[in-house]
């Protein structure tokens, strides 16, 4: 019985390091990326849209892609592909 409980505990610890810990690390990296994002940065969204950040609000970001201006959720941003200079608009 003690061996069974010990094996279960070892299995849980292994699963922790293989699944939960990397997810937490990725979530922290995503939060840091969003916090460092500024107007003028080029971004890639989860749906594959490339755009330039115009302004940043609490939960949304205004971007320009080609000749279209869109407002998207911050959570849709996958990566900042290129850091840009501030275009004069500030974080609101």
PDB file of N, CA and C in Angstrom:
ATOM      1  N   UNK A   1       0.826  -1.199   0.000  1.00  0.00           N
ATOM      2  CA  UNK A   1       0.000   0.000   0.000  1.00  0.00           C
ATOM      3  C   UNK A   1       0.868   1.261   0.000  1.00  0.00           C
ATOM      4  N   UNK A   2       1.926   1.264   0.797  1.00  0.00           N
ATOM      5  CA  UNK A   2       2.808   2.423   0.866  1.00  0.00           C
ATOM      6  C   UNK A   2       3.525   2.629  -0.473  1.00  0.00           C
ATOM      7  N   UNK A   3       3.897   1.541  -1.135  1.00  0.00           N
ATOM      8  CA  UNK A   3       4.535   1.652  -2.444  1.00  0.00           C
ATOM      9  C   UNK A   3       3.587   2.294  -3.460  1.00  0.00           C
ATOM     10  N   UNK A   4       2.318   1.933  -3.397  1.00  0.00           N
ATOM     11  CA  UNK A   4       1.329   2.483  -4.322  1.00  0.00           C
ATOM     12  C   UNK A   4       1.168   3.994  -4.112  1.00  0.00           C
ATOM     13  N   UNK A   5       1.079   4.418  -2.871  1.00  0.00           N
ATOM     14  CA  UNK A   5       0.968   5.843  -2.557  1.00  0.00           C
ATOM     15  C   UNK A   5       2.235   6.580  -2.970  1.00  0.00           C
ATOM     16  N   UNK A   6       3.379   5.995  -2.742  1.00  0.00           N
ATOM     17  CA  UNK A   6       4.651   6.600  -3.134  1.00  0.00           C
ATOM     18  C   UNK A   6       4.763   6.752  -4.640  1.00  0.00           C
ATOM     19  N   UNK A   7       4.372   5.724  -5.371  1.00  0.00           N
ATOM     20  CA  UNK A   7       4.409   5.792  -6.836  1.00  0.00           C
ATOM     21  C   UNK A   7       3.448   6.871  -7.361  1.00  0.00           C
ATOM     22  N   UNK A   8       2.269   6.975  -6.751  1.00  0.00           N
ATOM     23  CA  UNK A   8       1.302   7.992  -7.155  1.00  0.00           C
ATOM     24  C   UNK A   8       1.872   9.388  -6.909  1.00  0.00           C
ATOM     25  N   UNK A   9       2.528   9.593  -5.776  1.00  0.00           N
ATOM     26  CA  UNK A   9       3.130  10.887  -5.459  1.00  0.00           C
ATOM     27  C   UNK A   9       4.237  11.226  -6.457  1.00  0.00           C
ATOM     28  N   UNK A  10       5.057  10.260  -6.787  1.00  0.00           N
ATOM     29  CA  UNK A  10       6.130  10.481  -7.768  1.00  0.00           C
ATOM     30  C   UNK A  10       5.539  10.827  -9.133  1.00  0.00           C
ATOM     31  N   UNK A  11       4.472  10.131  -9.515  1.00  0.00           N
ATOM     32  CA  UNK A  11       3.807  10.397 -10.787  1.00  0.00           C
ATOM     33  C   UNK A  11       3.252  11.824 -10.828  1.00  0.00           C
ATOM     34  N   UNK A  12       2.651  12.262  -9.740  1.00  0.00           N
ATOM     35  CA  UNK A  12       2.097  13.620  -9.674  1.00  0.00           C
ATOM     36  C   UNK A  12       3.204  14.665  -9.794  1.00  0.00           C
ATOM     37  N   UNK A  13       4.317  14.448  -9.141  1.00  0.00           N
ATOM     38  CA  UNK A  13       5.441  15.387  -9.213  1.00  0.00           C
ATOM     39  C   UNK A  13       5.989  15.453 -10.641  1.00  0.00           C
ATOM     40  N   UNK A  14       6.120  14.316 -11.288  1.00  0.00           N
ATOM     41  CA  UNK A  14       6.613  14.289 -12.667  1.00  0.00           C
ATOM     42  C   UNK A  14       5.656  15.026 -13.595  1.00  0.00           C
ATOM     43  N   UNK A  15       4.365  14.787 -13.421  1.00  0.00           N
ATOM     44  CA  UNK A  15       3.373  15.467 -14.256  1.00  0.00           C
ATOM     45  C   UNK A  15       3.412  16.980 -14.029  1.00  0.00           C
ATOM     46  N   UNK A  16       3.651  17.398 -12.806  1.00  0.00           N
ATOM     47  CA  UNK A  16       3.766  18.824 -12.481  1.00  0.00           C
ATOM     48  C   UNK A  16       4.881  19.459 -13.305  1.00  0.00           C
ATOM     49  N   UNK A  17       6.049  18.832 -13.295  1.00  0.00           N
ATOM     50  CA  UNK A  17       7.191  19.399 -14.005  1.00  0.00           C
ATOM     51  C   UNK A  17       7.051  19.316 -15.510  1.00  0.00           C
ATOM     52  N   UNK A  18       6.274  18.388 -16.006  1.00  0.00           N
ATOM     53  CA  UNK A  18       6.127  18.242 -17.456  1.00  0.00           C
ATOM     54  C   UNK A  18       4.997  19.071 -18.043  1.00  0.00           C
ATOM     55  N   UNK A  19       3.982  19.421 -17.258  1.00  0.00           N
ATOM     56  CA  UNK A  19       2.843  20.131 -17.825  1.00  0.00           C
ATOM     57  C   UNK A  19       2.578  21.487 -17.179  1.00  0.00           C
ATOM     58  N   UNK A  20       2.389  21.532 -15.908  1.00  0.00           N
ATOM     59  CA  UNK A  20       1.950  22.752 -15.246  1.00  0.00           C
ATOM     60  C   UNK A  20       3.058  23.801 -15.170  1.00  0.00           C
ATOM     61  N   UNK A  21       4.261  23.424 -14.830  1.00  0.00           N
ATOM     62  CA  UNK A  21       5.356  24.387 -14.702  1.00  0.00           C
ATOM     63  C   UNK A  21       5.649  25.112 -16.023  1.00  0.00           C
ATOM     64  N   UNK A  22       5.743  24.431 -17.168  1.00  0.00           N
ATOM     65  CA  UNK A  22       5.973  25.157 -18.427  1.00  0.00           C
ATOM     66  C   UNK A  22       4.828  26.092 -18.809  1.00  0.00           C
ATOM     67  N   UNK A  23       3.599  25.705 -18.485  1.00  0.00           N
ATOM     68  CA  UNK A  23       2.463  26.578 -18.776  1.00  0.00           C
ATOM     69  C   UNK A  23       2.539  27.857 -17.962  1.00  0.00           C
ATOM     70  N   UNK A  24       2.915  27.746 -16.714  1.00  0.00           N
ATOM     71  CA  UNK A  24       3.051  28.942 -15.863  1.00  0.00           C
ATOM     72  C   UNK A  24       4.152  29.855 -16.395  1.00  0.00           C
ATOM     73  N   UNK A  25       5.266  29.253 -16.827  1.00  0.00           N
ATOM     74  CA  UNK A  25       6.377  30.031 -17.355  1.00  0.00           C
ATOM     75  C   UNK A  25       5.941  30.781 -18.617  1.00  0.00           C
ATOM     76  N   UNK A  26       5.220  30.111 -19.501  1.00  0.00           N
ATOM     77  CA  UNK A  26       4.754  30.744 -20.728  1.00  0.00           C
ATOM     78  C   UNK A  26       3.767  31.872 -20.429  1.00  0.00           C
ATOM     79  N   UNK A  27       2.898  31.689 -19.442  1.00  0.00           N
ATOM     80  CA  UNK A  27       1.936  32.728 -19.062  1.00  0.00           C
ATOM     81  C   UNK A  27       2.659  33.965 -18.516  1.00  0.00           C
ATOM     82  N   UNK A  28       3.715  33.765 -17.744  1.00  0.00           N
ATOM     83  CA  UNK A  28       4.485  34.888 -17.217  1.00  0.00           C
ATOM     84  C   UNK A  28       5.186  35.637 -18.339  1.00  0.00           C
ATOM     85  N   UNK A  29       5.737  34.895 -19.315  1.00  0.00           N
ATOM     86  CA  UNK A  29       6.398  35.530 -20.449  1.00  0.00           C
ATOM     87  C   UNK A  29       5.397  36.338 -21.275  1.00  0.00           C
ATOM     88  N   UNK A  30       4.191  35.802 -21.469  1.00  0.00           N
ATOM     89  CA  UNK A  30       3.140  36.494 -22.222  1.00  0.00           C
ATOM     90  C   UNK A  30       2.749  37.793 -21.511  1.00  0.00           C
ATOM     91  N   UNK A  31       2.576  37.729 -20.183  1.00  0.00           N
ATOM     92  CA  UNK A  31       2.207  38.909 -19.418  1.00  0.00           C
ATOM     93  C   UNK A  31       3.307  39.975 -19.489  1.00  0.00           C
ATOM     94  N   UNK A  32       4.557  39.560 -19.424  1.00  0.00           N
ATOM     95  CA  UNK A  32       5.668  40.511 -19.511  1.00  0.00           C
ATOM     96  C   UNK A  32       5.724  41.149 -20.896  1.00  0.00           C
ATOM     97  N   UNK A  33       5.458  40.363 -21.945  1.00  0.00           N
ATOM     98  CA  UNK A  33       5.459  40.894 -23.303  1.00  0.00           C
ATOM     99  C   UNK A  33       4.362  41.943 -23.470  1.00  0.00           C
ATOM    100  N   UNK A  34       3.167  41.653 -22.957  1.00  0.00           N
ATOM    101  CA  UNK A  34       2.058  42.596 -23.071  1.00  0.00           C
ATOM    102  C   UNK A  34       2.320  43.871 -22.289  1.00  0.00           C
ATOM    103  N   UNK A  35       2.974  43.730 -21.136  1.00  0.00           N
ATOM    104  CA  UNK A  35       3.272  44.899 -20.317  1.00  0.00           C
ATOM    105  C   UNK A  35       4.313  45.799 -20.985  1.00  0.00           C
ATOM    106  N   UNK A  36       5.242  45.199 -21.728  1.00  0.00           N
ATOM    107  CA  UNK A  36       6.307  45.962 -22.378  1.00  0.00           C
ATOM    108  C   UNK A  36       5.894  46.507 -23.744  1.00  0.00           C
ATOM    109  N   UNK A  37       4.729  46.122 -24.253  1.00  0.00           N
ATOM    110  CA  UNK A  37       4.285  46.557 -25.566  1.00  0.00           C
ATOM    111  C   UNK A  37       3.985  48.051 -25.572  1.00  0.00           C
ATOM    112  N   UNK A  38       4.401  48.730 -26.622  1.00  0.00           N
ATOM    113  CA  UNK A  38       4.218  50.173 -26.758  1.00  0.00           C
ATOM    114  C   UNK A  38       3.665  50.502 -28.141  1.00  0.00           C
ATOM    115  N   UNK A  39       3.139  51.696 -28.285  1.00  0.00           N
ATOM    116  CA  UNK A  39       2.663  52.172 -29.581  1.00  0.00           C
ATOM    117  C   UNK A  39       3.834  52.173 -30.558  1.00  0.00           C
ATOM    118  N   UNK A  40       3.578  51.716 -31.773  1.00  0.00           N
ATOM    119  CA  UNK A  40       4.619  51.645 -32.795  1.00  0.00           C
ATOM    120  C   UNK A  40       5.204  50.256 -32.964  1.00  0.00           C
ATOM    121  N   UNK A  41       4.949  49.343 -32.026  1.00  0.00           N
ATOM    122  CA  UNK A  41       5.444  47.976 -32.131  1.00  0.00           C
ATOM    123  C   UNK A  41       4.674  47.212 -33.197  1.00  0.00           C
ATOM    124  N   UNK A  42       5.369  46.355 -33.926  1.00  0.00           N
ATOM    125  CA  UNK A  42       4.713  45.476 -34.890  1.00  0.00           C
ATOM    126  C   UNK A  42       4.387  44.171 -34.165  1.00  0.00           C
ATOM    127  N   UNK A  43       3.136  43.698 -34.328  1.00  0.00           N
ATOM    128  CA  UNK A  43       2.686  42.514 -33.599  1.00  0.00           C
ATOM    129  C   UNK A  43       2.087  41.479 -34.538  1.00  0.00           C
ATOM    130  N   UNK A  44       1.975  40.260 -34.027  1.00  0.00           N
ATOM    131  CA  UNK A  44       1.298  39.163 -34.701  1.00  0.00           C
ATOM    132  C   UNK A  44       0.198  38.682 -33.775  1.00  0.00           C
ATOM    133  N   UNK A  45      -1.024  38.551 -34.317  1.00  0.00           N
ATOM    134  CA  UNK A  45      -2.143  38.070 -33.507  1.00  0.00           C
ATOM    135  C   UNK A  45      -2.312  36.571 -33.668  1.00  0.00           C
ATOM    136  N   UNK A  46      -3.120  35.980 -32.811  1.00  0.00           N
ATOM    137  CA  UNK A  46      -3.373  34.546 -32.848  1.00  0.00           C
ATOM    138  C   UNK A  46      -4.050  34.126 -34.151  1.00  0.00           C
ATOM    139  N   UNK A  47      -4.774  35.026 -34.791  1.00  0.00           N
ATOM    140  CA  UNK A  47      -5.446  34.708 -36.051  1.00  0.00           C
ATOM    141  C   UNK A  47      -4.558  34.967 -37.261  1.00  0.00           C
ATOM    142  N   UNK A  48      -3.321  35.394 -37.044  1.00  0.00           N
ATOM    143  CA  UNK A  48      -2.376  35.587 -38.131  1.00  0.00           C
ATOM    144  C   UNK A  48      -2.333  36.983 -38.708  1.00  0.00           C
ATOM    145  N   UNK A  49      -2.953  37.932 -38.065  1.00  0.00           N
ATOM    146  CA  UNK A  49      -2.952  39.311 -38.552  1.00  0.00           C
ATOM    147  C   UNK A  49      -1.685  40.015 -38.068  1.00  0.00           C
ATOM    148  N   UNK A  50      -0.988  40.644 -38.995  1.00  0.00           N
ATOM    149  CA  UNK A  50       0.168  41.463 -38.659  1.00  0.00           C
ATOM    150  C   UNK A  50      -0.291  42.914 -38.612  1.00  0.00           C
ATOM    151  N   UNK A  51       0.160  43.640 -37.601  1.00  0.00           N
ATOM    152  CA  UNK A  51      -0.260  45.027 -37.485  1.00  0.00           C
ATOM    153  C   UNK A  51       0.705  45.845 -36.655  1.00  0.00           C
ATOM    154  N   UNK A  52       0.461  47.145 -36.648  1.00  0.00           N
ATOM    155  CA  UNK A  52       1.255  48.085 -35.862  1.00  0.00           C
ATOM    156  C   UNK A  52       0.361  48.658 -34.776  1.00  0.00           C
ATOM    157  N   UNK A  53       0.846  48.650 -33.540  1.00  0.00           N
ATOM    158  CA  UNK A  53       0.075  49.128 -32.395  1.00  0.00           C
ATOM    159  C   UNK A  53      -0.074  50.641 -32.480  1.00  0.00           C
ATOM    160  N   UNK A  54      -1.321  51.096 -32.397  1.00  0.00           N
ATOM    161  CA  UNK A  54      -1.602  52.531 -32.386  1.00  0.00           C
ATOM    162  C   UNK A  54      -1.792  53.045 -30.970  1.00  0.00           C
ATOM    163  N   UNK A  55      -2.605  52.327 -30.181  1.00  0.00           N
ATOM    164  CA  UNK A  55      -2.830  52.725 -28.788  1.00  0.00           C
ATOM    165  C   UNK A  55      -3.172  51.491 -27.963  1.00  0.00           C
ATOM    166  N   UNK A  56      -2.955  51.612 -26.667  1.00  0.00           N
ATOM    167  CA  UNK A  56      -3.177  50.499 -25.742  1.00  0.00           C
ATOM    168  C   UNK A  56      -4.130  50.955 -24.650  1.00  0.00           C
ATOM    169  N   UNK A  57      -5.168  50.172 -24.417  1.00  0.00           N
ATOM    170  CA  UNK A  57      -6.127  50.440 -23.350  1.00  0.00           C
ATOM    171  C   UNK A  57      -6.022  49.322 -22.324  1.00  0.00           C
ATOM    172  N   UNK A  58      -6.967  49.269 -21.372  1.00  0.00           N
ATOM    173  CA  UNK A  58      -6.918  48.255 -20.325  1.00  0.00           C
ATOM    174  C   UNK A  58      -6.949  46.837 -20.878  1.00  0.00           C
ATOM    175  N   UNK A  59      -7.943  46.527 -21.697  1.00  0.00           N
ATOM    176  CA  UNK A  59      -8.104  45.163 -22.197  1.00  0.00           C
ATOM    177  C   UNK A  59      -7.947  45.043 -23.707  1.00  0.00           C
ATOM    178  N   UNK A  60      -7.881  46.164 -24.402  1.00  0.00           N
ATOM    179  CA  UNK A  60      -7.818  46.133 -25.859  1.00  0.00           C
ATOM    180  C   UNK A  60      -6.635  46.927 -26.390  1.00  0.00           C
ATOM    181  N   UNK A  61      -6.346  46.669 -27.669  1.00  0.00           N
ATOM    182  CA  UNK A  61      -5.271  47.353 -28.371  1.00  0.00           C
ATOM    183  C   UNK A  61      -5.828  47.798 -29.719  1.00  0.00           C
ATOM    184  N   UNK A  62      -5.551  49.016 -30.108  1.00  0.00           N
ATOM    185  CA  UNK A  62      -5.899  49.475 -31.449  1.00  0.00           C
ATOM    186  C   UNK A  62      -4.685  49.257 -32.334  1.00  0.00           C
ATOM    187  N   UNK A  63      -4.913  48.579 -33.467  1.00  0.00           N
ATOM    188  CA  UNK A  63      -3.816  48.316 -34.393  1.00  0.00           C
ATOM    189  C   UNK A  63      -4.193  48.777 -35.791  1.00  0.00           C
ATOM    190  N   UNK A  64      -3.163  48.990 -36.612  1.00  0.00           N
ATOM    191  CA  UNK A  64      -3.359  49.295 -38.022  1.00  0.00           C
ATOM    192  C   UNK A  64      -2.731  48.164 -38.814  1.00  0.00           C
ATOM    193  N   UNK A  65      -3.521  47.577 -39.715  1.00  0.00           N
ATOM    194  CA  UNK A  65      -3.045  46.522 -40.593  1.00  0.00           C
ATOM    195  C   UNK A  65      -3.449  46.905 -42.007  1.00  0.00           C
ATOM    196  N   UNK A  66      -2.472  47.125 -42.856  1.00  0.00           N
ATOM    197  CA  UNK A  66      -2.689  47.648 -44.213  1.00  0.00           C
ATOM    198  C   UNK A  66      -3.394  48.996 -44.077  1.00  0.00           C
ATOM    199  N   UNK A  67      -4.585  49.147 -44.623  1.00  0.00           N
ATOM    200  CA  UNK A  67      -5.315  50.418 -44.516  1.00  0.00           C
ATOM    201  C   UNK A  67      -6.473  50.329 -43.534  1.00  0.00           C
ATOM    202  N   UNK A  68      -6.469  49.306 -42.695  1.00  0.00           N
ATOM    203  CA  UNK A  68      -7.575  49.054 -41.775  1.00  0.00           C
ATOM    204  C   UNK A  68      -7.137  49.288 -40.341  1.00  0.00           C
ATOM    205  N   UNK A  69      -7.990  49.952 -39.578  1.00  0.00           N
ATOM    206  CA  UNK A  69      -7.748  50.138 -38.147  1.00  0.00           C
ATOM    207  C   UNK A  69      -8.676  49.182 -37.408  1.00  0.00           C
ATOM    208  N   UNK A  70      -8.112  48.392 -36.484  1.00  0.00           N
ATOM    209  CA  UNK A  70      -8.885  47.397 -35.728  1.00  0.00           C
ATOM    210  C   UNK A  70      -8.620  47.544 -34.245  1.00  0.00           C
ATOM    211  N   UNK A  71      -9.589  47.122 -33.465  1.00  0.00           N
ATOM    212  CA  UNK A  71      -9.416  47.050 -32.023  1.00  0.00           C
ATOM    213  C   UNK A  71      -9.511  45.578 -31.643  1.00  0.00           C
ATOM    214  N   UNK A  72      -8.453  45.062 -31.016  1.00  0.00           N
ATOM    215  CA  UNK A  72      -8.395  43.648 -30.666  1.00  0.00           C
ATOM    216  C   UNK A  72      -8.143  43.499 -29.172  1.00  0.00           C
ATOM    217  N   UNK A  73      -8.402  42.316 -28.654  1.00  0.00           N
ATOM    218  CA  UNK A  73      -8.104  42.022 -27.256  1.00  0.00           C
ATOM    219  C   UNK A  73      -6.611  41.819 -27.076  1.00  0.00           C
ATOM    220  N   UNK A  74      -6.087  42.220 -25.935  1.00  0.00           N
ATOM    221  CA  UNK A  74      -4.669  42.006 -25.642  1.00  0.00           C
ATOM    222  C   UNK A  74      -4.317  40.527 -25.682  1.00  0.00           C
ATOM    223  N   UNK A  75      -5.243  39.682 -25.257  1.00  0.00           N
ATOM    224  CA  UNK A  75      -4.968  38.248 -25.207  1.00  0.00           C
ATOM    225  C   UNK A  75      -4.786  37.637 -26.590  1.00  0.00           C
ATOM    226  N   UNK A  76      -5.164  38.354 -27.660  1.00  0.00           N
ATOM    227  CA  UNK A  76      -5.004  37.847 -29.020  1.00  0.00           C
ATOM    228  C   UNK A  76      -3.588  38.039 -29.554  1.00  0.00           C
ATOM    229  N   UNK A  77      -2.772  38.822 -28.865  1.00  0.00           N
ATOM    230  CA  UNK A  77      -1.410  39.085 -29.325  1.00  0.00           C
ATOM    231  C   UNK A  77      -0.533  37.883 -28.977  1.00  0.00           C
ATOM    232  N   UNK A  78       0.109  37.327 -30.005  1.00  0.00           N
ATOM    233  CA  UNK A  78       0.970  36.167 -29.819  1.00  0.00           C
ATOM    234  C   UNK A  78       2.417  36.596 -29.599  1.00  0.00           C
ATOM    235  N   UNK A  79       2.881  37.565 -30.396  1.00  0.00           N
ATOM    236  CA  UNK A  79       4.255  38.029 -30.233  1.00  0.00           C
ATOM    237  C   UNK A  79       4.430  39.437 -30.780  1.00  0.00           C
ATOM    238  N   UNK A  80       5.438  40.104 -30.259  1.00  0.00           N
ATOM    239  CA  UNK A  80       5.858  41.398 -30.785  1.00  0.00           C
ATOM    240  C   UNK A  80       7.000  41.075 -31.734  1.00  0.00           C
ATOM    241  N   UNK A  81       6.772  41.299 -33.041  1.00  0.00           N
ATOM    242  CA  UNK A  81       7.774  40.918 -34.029  1.00  0.00           C
ATOM    243  C   UNK A  81       8.883  41.948 -34.167  1.00  0.00           C
ATOM    244  N   UNK A  82       8.556  43.215 -33.901  1.00  0.00           N
ATOM    245  CA  UNK A  82       9.557  44.269 -34.040  1.00  0.00           C
ATOM    246  C   UNK A  82       9.193  45.426 -33.136  1.00  0.00           C
ATOM    247  N   UNK A  83      10.165  45.877 -32.362  1.00  0.00           N
ATOM    248  CA  UNK A  83       9.953  47.042 -31.509  1.00  0.00           C
ATOM    249  C   UNK A  83      10.042  48.290 -32.365  1.00  0.00           C
ATOM    250  N   UNK A  84       9.083  49.187 -32.181  1.00  0.00           N
ATOM    251  CA  UNK A  84       9.080  50.421 -32.974  1.00  0.00           C
ATOM    252  C   UNK A  84       9.221  51.630 -32.094  1.00  0.00           C
ATOM    253  N   UNK A  85       9.440  52.761 -32.725  1.00  0.00           N
ATOM    254  CA  UNK A  85       9.531  54.021 -31.994  1.00  0.00           C
ATOM    255  C   UNK A  85       8.125  54.494 -31.668  1.00  0.00           C
ATOM    256  N   UNK A  86       7.999  55.228 -30.587  1.00  0.00           N
ATOM    257  CA  UNK A  86       6.706  55.789 -30.221  1.00  0.00           C
ATOM    258  C   UNK A  86       6.237  56.734 -31.313  1.00  0.00           C
ATOM    259  N   UNK A  87       4.970  56.607 -31.682  1.00  0.00           N
ATOM    260  CA  UNK A  87       4.419  57.482 -32.725  1.00  0.00           C
ATOM    261  C   UNK A  87       3.690  58.676 -32.124  1.00  0.00           C
ATOM    262  N   UNK A  88       3.923  58.949 -30.858  1.00  0.00           N
ATOM    263  CA  UNK A  88       3.318  60.110 -30.222  1.00  0.00           C
ATOM    264  C   UNK A  88       2.089  59.762 -29.392  1.00  0.00           C
ATOM    265  N   UNK A  89       1.495  58.605 -29.606  1.00  0.00           N
ATOM    266  CA  UNK A  89       0.330  58.206 -28.824  1.00  0.00           C
ATOM    267  C   UNK A  89       0.815  57.480 -27.576  1.00  0.00           C
ATOM    268  N   UNK A  90       0.145  57.706 -26.487  1.00  0.00           N
ATOM    269  CA  UNK A  90       0.557  57.116 -25.220  1.00  0.00           C
ATOM    270  C   UNK A  90      -0.437  56.097 -24.736  1.00  0.00           C
ATOM    271  N   UNK A  91      -0.018  55.336 -23.756  1.00  0.00           N
ATOM    272  CA  UNK A  91      -0.879  54.328 -23.143  1.00  0.00           C
ATOM    273  C   UNK A  91      -2.018  55.000 -22.394  1.00  0.00           C
ATOM    274  N   UNK A  92      -3.255  54.519 -22.601  1.00  0.00           N
ATOM    275  CA  UNK A  92      -4.385  55.117 -21.896  1.00  0.00           C
ATOM    276  C   UNK A  92      -5.029  54.151 -20.958  1.00  0.00           C
TER     277      UNK A  92
END
